[in-house]
Amino acid sequence: MVENKCSVSNLGFAGFLIFKGFKLIDKPKKDDGGRFAFFFELDQEECDNLMASYCSSDYCKFDNIIVNLKRMLPRY
C-alpha cells in the first residue's frame, strides 16, 4: 500500500503532475457525485504546493483555453 497518496479530481492538474514525472497509481475512481479522481504517489503538502505552481503556469492557461473552446462546440 502507498502511504503518500494524493487524490486529484482536476483533469488539467492530473496531466500537469504526469508531465512533471509523478507516478499515477491505481485507476481513476468515480465518487458518489459522479466526479473522477486520479491518484498520485506524493504527499498532500507537496500536492498542494504543486497545485499553486500549476495555477500560475502556462499549462493551466492552456488547459483553460481548451475547456473554453470545448464549450463553444455545438452539442449533438
Protein backbone atom coordinates (compact mmCIF):
# COMPACT_ATOMS: atom_id res chain seq x y z
CA MET A 1 0.00 0.00 0.00
CA VAL A 2 1.21 3.50 -0.85
CA GLU A 3 1.43 5.79 2.18
CA ASN A 4 1.89 9.07 0.30
CA LYS A 5 -1.20 9.17 -1.87
CA CYS A 6 -2.75 12.33 -3.31
CA SER A 7 -6.23 12.39 -4.86
CA VAL A 8 -6.74 14.80 -7.78
CA SER A 9 -10.09 15.48 -9.48
CA ASN A 10 -8.90 18.26 -11.82
CA LEU A 11 -8.01 16.68 -15.17
CA GLY A 12 -5.64 19.51 -16.13
CA PHE A 13 -3.77 19.28 -12.83
CA ALA A 14 -3.56 15.49 -13.17
CA GLY A 15 -2.00 15.95 -16.61
CA PHE A 16 0.40 18.53 -15.15
CA LEU A 17 1.55 16.06 -12.48
CA ILE A 18 2.14 13.34 -15.07
CA PHE A 19 4.03 15.85 -17.22
CA LYS A 20 6.19 16.69 -14.19
CA GLY A 21 7.03 12.98 -13.81
CA PHE A 22 4.83 11.97 -10.90
CA LYS A 23 3.61 8.40 -10.85
CA LEU A 24 -0.08 7.77 -11.44
CA ILE A 25 -1.13 4.95 -9.15
CA ASP A 26 -4.33 2.96 -9.24
CA LYS A 27 -7.03 3.56 -11.81
CA PRO A 28 -9.30 6.63 -11.69
CA LYS A 29 -12.29 6.16 -9.42
CA LYS A 30 -15.71 7.78 -9.60
CA ASP A 31 -17.22 9.20 -6.41
CA ASP A 32 -20.91 9.35 -5.48
CA GLY A 33 -21.21 12.78 -7.11
CA GLY A 34 -20.03 11.45 -10.46
CA ARG A 35 -16.58 13.10 -10.33
CA PHE A 36 -13.47 11.12 -11.12
CA ALA A 37 -10.32 11.19 -9.01
CA PHE A 38 -6.80 10.31 -10.08
CA PHE A 39 -4.28 9.10 -7.52
CA PHE A 40 -0.61 10.04 -7.40
CA GLU A 41 2.29 8.87 -5.31
CA LEU A 42 3.10 12.09 -3.43
CA ASP A 43 2.19 13.56 -0.07
CA GLN A 44 -0.62 16.08 0.35
CA GLU A 45 1.66 19.01 1.23
CA GLU A 46 3.70 18.54 -1.95
CA CYS A 47 0.47 18.13 -3.92
CA ASP A 48 -0.81 21.46 -2.53
CA ASN A 49 2.46 23.20 -3.43
CA LEU A 50 2.31 21.80 -6.96
CA MET A 51 -1.29 22.98 -7.31
CA ALA A 52 -0.11 26.51 -6.56
CA SER A 53 2.58 26.13 -9.24
CA TYR A 54 0.04 24.72 -11.69
CA CYS A 55 -2.40 27.61 -11.16
CA SER A 56 0.22 30.18 -12.13
CA SER A 57 1.65 28.18 -15.04
CA ASP A 58 1.18 28.40 -18.79
CA TYR A 59 -0.03 24.79 -18.63
CA CYS A 60 -3.09 25.95 -16.63
CA LYS A 61 -3.74 28.79 -19.07
CA PHE A 62 -3.60 26.35 -21.97
CA ASP A 63 -5.94 23.92 -20.20
CA ASN A 64 -8.48 26.71 -19.57
CA ILE A 65 -8.39 27.72 -23.24
CA ILE A 66 -9.09 24.11 -24.29
CA VAL A 67 -12.01 23.88 -21.84
CA ASN A 68 -13.47 27.14 -23.18
CA LEU A 69 -13.09 26.01 -26.78
CA LYS A 70 -14.87 22.74 -25.98
CA ARG A 71 -17.77 24.76 -24.54
CA MET A 72 -18.10 26.61 -27.85
CA LEU A 73 -18.61 23.39 -29.82
CA PRO A 74 -22.18 22.53 -30.74
CA ARG A 75 -23.68 19.70 -28.72
CA TYR A 76 -25.43 16.95 -30.60
